[in-house]
Amino acid sequence: MGVTLAACGSGSSGGSGGSTPSGQPTTGAAAEQAITTLYTEFFSAPVAQAKTMLEAGDTLDAAFKAALKLKGDVTESAKVKKVTITSPTTADVTYELDGDGKPLLPEANGKAVYVNGKWLVAKATFCGLVQLGTPNVKGC
């Protein structure tokens, strides 16, 4: 099974929303769009970039290696179906994970977390995907 990374989300409901003085918005449509972009870009990003888009990404070398092995030559992408901001620092993301344009996980559930002024794919989301094919990955 080629399930590996995580993707960005698509907005669901509007609102002007707040933000931190130097960071991305934490509420409303702008925050949902930031999460959508995050999830969309995460799955197709090179590992070095993906690590910066993932909560604690710099500590998950073993998980990234396992993900790449599982992925093989498959080109992954994500289509965000819904983003729900659950607090100023967390959001639920419903998305479809595709491999070579075909659904691998048509109704995947993930999380985004707000850390140091930006939205990141939650470590639990990435690790959950990796552990579908490789249980007990170091760091997860």
C-alpha atoms as a PDB file:
ATOM      1  CA  MET A   1       0.000   0.000   0.000  1.00  0.00           C
ATOM      2  CA  GLY A   2       1.445   3.359  -1.004  1.00  0.00           C
ATOM      3  CA  VAL A   3      -0.019   5.513   1.768  1.00  0.00           C
ATOM      4  CA  THR A   4       2.597   7.872   3.166  1.00  0.00           C
ATOM      5  CA  LEU A   5       2.357  11.606   3.660  1.00  0.00           C
ATOM      6  CA  ALA A   6      -0.351  14.160   4.450  1.00  0.00           C
ATOM      7  CA  ALA A   7      -2.040  16.968   2.591  1.00  0.00           C
ATOM      8  CA  CYS A   8      -3.539  20.408   2.933  1.00  0.00           C
ATOM      9  CA  GLY A   9      -7.204  21.236   3.398  1.00  0.00           C
ATOM     10  CA  SER A  10      -9.973  23.125   1.662  1.00  0.00           C
ATOM     11  CA  GLY A  11     -12.098  25.738   3.322  1.00  0.00           C
ATOM     12  CA  SER A  12     -15.584  25.057   4.559  1.00  0.00           C
ATOM     13  CA  SER A  13     -17.155  28.125   6.129  1.00  0.00           C
ATOM     14  CA  GLY A  14     -16.344  31.813   6.028  1.00  0.00           C
ATOM     15  CA  GLY A  15     -15.673  34.598   8.472  1.00  0.00           C
ATOM     16  CA  SER A  16     -13.059  37.260   8.830  1.00  0.00           C
ATOM     17  CA  GLY A  17     -11.096  35.415  11.519  1.00  0.00           C
ATOM     18  CA  GLY A  18      -8.212  36.413  13.702  1.00  0.00           C
ATOM     19  CA  SER A  19      -4.511  35.912  13.371  1.00  0.00           C
ATOM     20  CA  THR A  20      -1.372  36.394  15.323  1.00  0.00           C
ATOM     21  CA  PRO A  21       0.587  39.602  14.645  1.00  0.00           C
ATOM     22  CA  SER A  22       3.269  37.789  12.635  1.00  0.00           C
ATOM     23  CA  GLY A  23       1.576  34.552  11.598  1.00  0.00           C
ATOM     24  CA  GLN A  24      -1.122  32.916   9.555  1.00  0.00           C
ATOM     25  CA  PRO A  25      -4.788  33.419  10.452  1.00  0.00           C
ATOM     26  CA  THR A  26      -6.131  31.180  13.204  1.00  0.00           C
ATOM     27  CA  THR A  27      -9.848  31.400  12.417  1.00  0.00           C
ATOM     28  CA  GLY A  28     -12.245  31.852   9.533  1.00  0.00           C
ATOM     29  CA  ALA A  29     -11.962  31.294   5.810  1.00  0.00           C
ATOM     30  CA  ALA A  30      -8.359  32.529   5.619  1.00  0.00           C
ATOM     31  CA  ALA A  31      -7.237  29.935   8.177  1.00  0.00           C
ATOM     32  CA  GLU A  32      -9.149  27.212   6.353  1.00  0.00           C
ATOM     33  CA  GLN A  33      -7.464  28.231   3.093  1.00  0.00           C
ATOM     34  CA  ALA A  34      -4.020  28.166   4.731  1.00  0.00           C
ATOM     35  CA  ILE A  35      -4.704  24.624   5.963  1.00  0.00           C
ATOM     36  CA  THR A  36      -6.011  23.587   2.559  1.00  0.00           C
ATOM     37  CA  THR A  37      -2.850  24.843   0.894  1.00  0.00           C
ATOM     38  CA  LEU A  38      -0.722  23.125   3.525  1.00  0.00           C
ATOM     39  CA  TYR A  39      -2.322  19.711   3.029  1.00  0.00           C
ATOM     40  CA  THR A  40      -2.306  19.994  -0.764  1.00  0.00           C
ATOM     41  CA  GLU A  41       1.388  20.900  -0.892  1.00  0.00           C
ATOM     42  CA  PHE A  42       2.548  18.496   1.830  1.00  0.00           C
ATOM     43  CA  PHE A  43       1.885  15.297  -0.100  1.00  0.00           C
ATOM     44  CA  SER A  44       3.794  16.359  -3.198  1.00  0.00           C
ATOM     45  CA  ALA A  45       6.618  18.236  -1.445  1.00  0.00           C
ATOM     46  CA  PRO A  46      10.209  16.973  -1.363  1.00  0.00           C
ATOM     47  CA  VAL A  47      11.113  15.494   2.034  1.00  0.00           C
ATOM     48  CA  ALA A  48      13.185  18.496   3.133  1.00  0.00           C
ATOM     49  CA  GLN A  49      10.231  20.813   2.497  1.00  0.00           C
ATOM     50  CA  ALA A  50       7.652  18.375   3.900  1.00  0.00           C
ATOM     51  CA  LYS A  51       9.563  18.258   7.194  1.00  0.00           C
ATOM     52  CA  THR A  52       9.001  22.013   7.598  1.00  0.00           C
ATOM     53  CA  MET A  53       5.269  21.522   7.011  1.00  0.00           C
ATOM     54  CA  LEU A  54       4.893  18.822   9.666  1.00  0.00           C
ATOM     55  CA  GLU A  55       4.651  19.140  13.433  1.00  0.00           C
ATOM     56  CA  ALA A  56       8.010  17.909  14.803  1.00  0.00           C
ATOM     57  CA  GLY A  57       9.023  17.070  11.244  1.00  0.00           C
ATOM     58  CA  ASP A  58      12.710  17.432  12.043  1.00  0.00           C
ATOM     59  CA  THR A  59      12.435  14.512  14.490  1.00  0.00           C
ATOM     60  CA  LEU A  60      10.785  12.055  12.101  1.00  0.00           C
ATOM     61  CA  ASP A  61      13.597  10.899   9.815  1.00  0.00           C
ATOM     62  CA  ALA A  62      12.741   7.222  10.323  1.00  0.00           C
ATOM     63  CA  ALA A  63       9.078   7.869   9.536  1.00  0.00           C
ATOM     64  CA  PHE A  64       9.963   9.745   6.347  1.00  0.00           C
ATOM     65  CA  LYS A  65      12.233   6.876   5.259  1.00  0.00           C
ATOM     66  CA  ALA A  66       9.427   4.398   5.902  1.00  0.00           C
ATOM     67  CA  ALA A  67       6.974   6.614   4.016  1.00  0.00           C
ATOM     68  CA  LEU A  68       9.238   6.857   0.986  1.00  0.00           C
ATOM     69  CA  LYS A  69       9.705   3.089   0.956  1.00  0.00           C
ATOM     70  CA  LEU A  70       5.930   2.548   1.121  1.00  0.00           C
ATOM     71  CA  LYS A  71       5.272   5.167  -1.538  1.00  0.00           C
ATOM     72  CA  GLY A  72       7.672   3.743  -4.099  1.00  0.00           C
ATOM     73  CA  ASP A  73       7.152   5.343  -7.515  1.00  0.00           C
ATOM     74  CA  VAL A  74       3.579   6.415  -6.802  1.00  0.00           C
ATOM     75  CA  THR A  75       2.822  10.125  -7.191  1.00  0.00           C
ATOM     76  CA  GLU A  76       0.685  11.171  -4.239  1.00  0.00           C
ATOM     77  CA  SER A  77      -1.727  14.056  -4.019  1.00  0.00           C
ATOM     78  CA  ALA A  78      -4.484  15.169  -1.698  1.00  0.00           C
ATOM     79  CA  LYS A  79      -7.869  16.755  -2.268  1.00  0.00           C
ATOM     80  CA  VAL A  80      -9.203  18.488   0.811  1.00  0.00           C
ATOM     81  CA  LYS A  81     -12.925  18.082   1.270  1.00  0.00           C
ATOM     82  CA  LYS A  82     -13.470  19.962   4.526  1.00  0.00           C
ATOM     83  CA  VAL A  83     -11.582  21.928   7.171  1.00  0.00           C
ATOM     84  CA  THR A  84     -13.119  22.565  10.574  1.00  0.00           C
ATOM     85  CA  ILE A  85     -11.274  24.892  12.918  1.00  0.00           C
ATOM     86  CA  THR A  86     -11.776  23.360  16.366  1.00  0.00           C
ATOM     87  CA  SER A  87      -9.725  25.910  18.348  1.00  0.00           C
ATOM     88  CA  PRO A  88      -7.222  28.685  17.589  1.00  0.00           C
ATOM     89  CA  THR A  89      -4.506  25.992  17.493  1.00  0.00           C
ATOM     90  CA  THR A  90      -6.191  22.893  16.024  1.00  0.00           C
ATOM     91  CA  ALA A  91      -8.295  21.918  13.029  1.00  0.00           C
ATOM     92  CA  ASP A  92      -9.872  18.762  11.658  1.00  0.00           C
ATOM     93  CA  VAL A  93      -9.251  18.000   7.989  1.00  0.00           C
ATOM     94  CA  THR A  94     -11.194  15.591   5.798  1.00  0.00           C
ATOM     95  CA  TYR A  95      -9.353  14.766   2.600  1.00  0.00           C
ATOM     96  CA  GLU A  96      -8.866  12.208  -0.145  1.00  0.00           C
ATOM     97  CA  LEU A  97      -5.386  10.782  -0.531  1.00  0.00           C
ATOM     98  CA  ASP A  98      -4.664   9.738  -4.103  1.00  0.00           C
ATOM     99  CA  GLY A  99      -1.884   7.697  -5.669  1.00  0.00           C
ATOM    100  CA  ASP A 100      -1.241   8.307  -9.360  1.00  0.00           C
ATOM    101  CA  GLY A 101      -4.615  10.058  -9.524  1.00  0.00           C
ATOM    102  CA  LYS A 102      -6.576   7.144  -8.028  1.00  0.00           C
ATOM    103  CA  PRO A 103      -8.071   7.255  -4.512  1.00  0.00           C
ATOM    104  CA  LEU A 104      -6.062   5.376  -1.890  1.00  0.00           C
ATOM    105  CA  LEU A 105      -7.992   6.768   1.063  1.00  0.00           C
ATOM    106  CA  PRO A 106     -11.178   8.479  -0.175  1.00  0.00           C
ATOM    107  CA  GLU A 107     -12.302   9.728   3.256  1.00  0.00           C
ATOM    108  CA  ALA A 108      -9.157  10.288   5.314  1.00  0.00           C
ATOM    109  CA  ASN A 109      -9.319  12.279   8.536  1.00  0.00           C
ATOM    110  CA  GLY A 110      -6.389  14.376   9.647  1.00  0.00           C
ATOM    111  CA  LYS A 111      -5.459  17.228  11.920  1.00  0.00           C
ATOM    112  CA  ALA A 112      -3.634  20.510  11.558  1.00  0.00           C
ATOM    113  CA  VAL A 113      -1.947  22.284  14.455  1.00  0.00           C
ATOM    114  CA  TYR A 114      -0.920  25.917  14.810  1.00  0.00           C
ATOM    115  CA  VAL A 115       2.697  26.214  15.959  1.00  0.00           C
ATOM    116  CA  ASN A 116       4.866  29.333  16.044  1.00  0.00           C
ATOM    117  CA  GLY A 117       2.588  31.356  13.787  1.00  0.00           C
ATOM    118  CA  LYS A 118       1.797  28.764  11.118  1.00  0.00           C
ATOM    119  CA  TRP A 119      -0.397  25.786  10.434  1.00  0.00           C
ATOM    120  CA  LEU A 120       1.317  22.393  10.231  1.00  0.00           C
ATOM    121  CA  VAL A 121       0.160  18.875   9.450  1.00  0.00           C
ATOM    122  CA  ALA A 122      -0.222  17.164  12.824  1.00  0.00           C
ATOM    123  CA  LYS A 123       2.414  14.570  13.669  1.00  0.00           C
ATOM    124  CA  ALA A 124      -0.368  12.120  14.591  1.00  0.00           C
ATOM    125  CA  THR A 125      -1.826  12.386  11.075  1.00  0.00           C
ATOM    126  CA  PHE A 126       1.476  11.654   9.331  1.00  0.00           C
ATOM    127  CA  CYS A 127       2.422   8.889  11.751  1.00  0.00           C
ATOM    128  CA  GLY A 128      -1.014   7.302  11.420  1.00  0.00           C
ATOM    129  CA  LEU A 129      -0.588   7.089   7.661  1.00  0.00           C
ATOM    130  CA  VAL A 130       2.941   5.693   7.860  1.00  0.00           C
ATOM    131  CA  GLN A 131       1.899   3.136  10.460  1.00  0.00           C
ATOM    132  CA  LEU A 132      -0.764   1.755   8.128  1.00  0.00           C
ATOM    133  CA  GLY A 133       2.128   0.091   6.290  1.00  0.00           C
ATOM    134  CA  THR A 134       4.947   0.107   8.828  1.00  0.00           C
ATOM    135  CA  PRO A 135       3.906  -0.336  12.476  1.00  0.00           C
ATOM    136  CA  ASN A 136       6.136   0.891  15.294  1.00  0.00           C
ATOM    137  CA  VAL A 137       8.109   3.478  13.303  1.00  0.00           C
ATOM    138  CA  LYS A 138      10.687   5.270  15.444  1.00  0.00           C
ATOM    139  CA  GLY A 139       9.456   8.703  16.510  1.00  0.00           C
ATOM    140  CA  CYS A 140       5.787   7.967  15.904  1.00  0.00           C
END
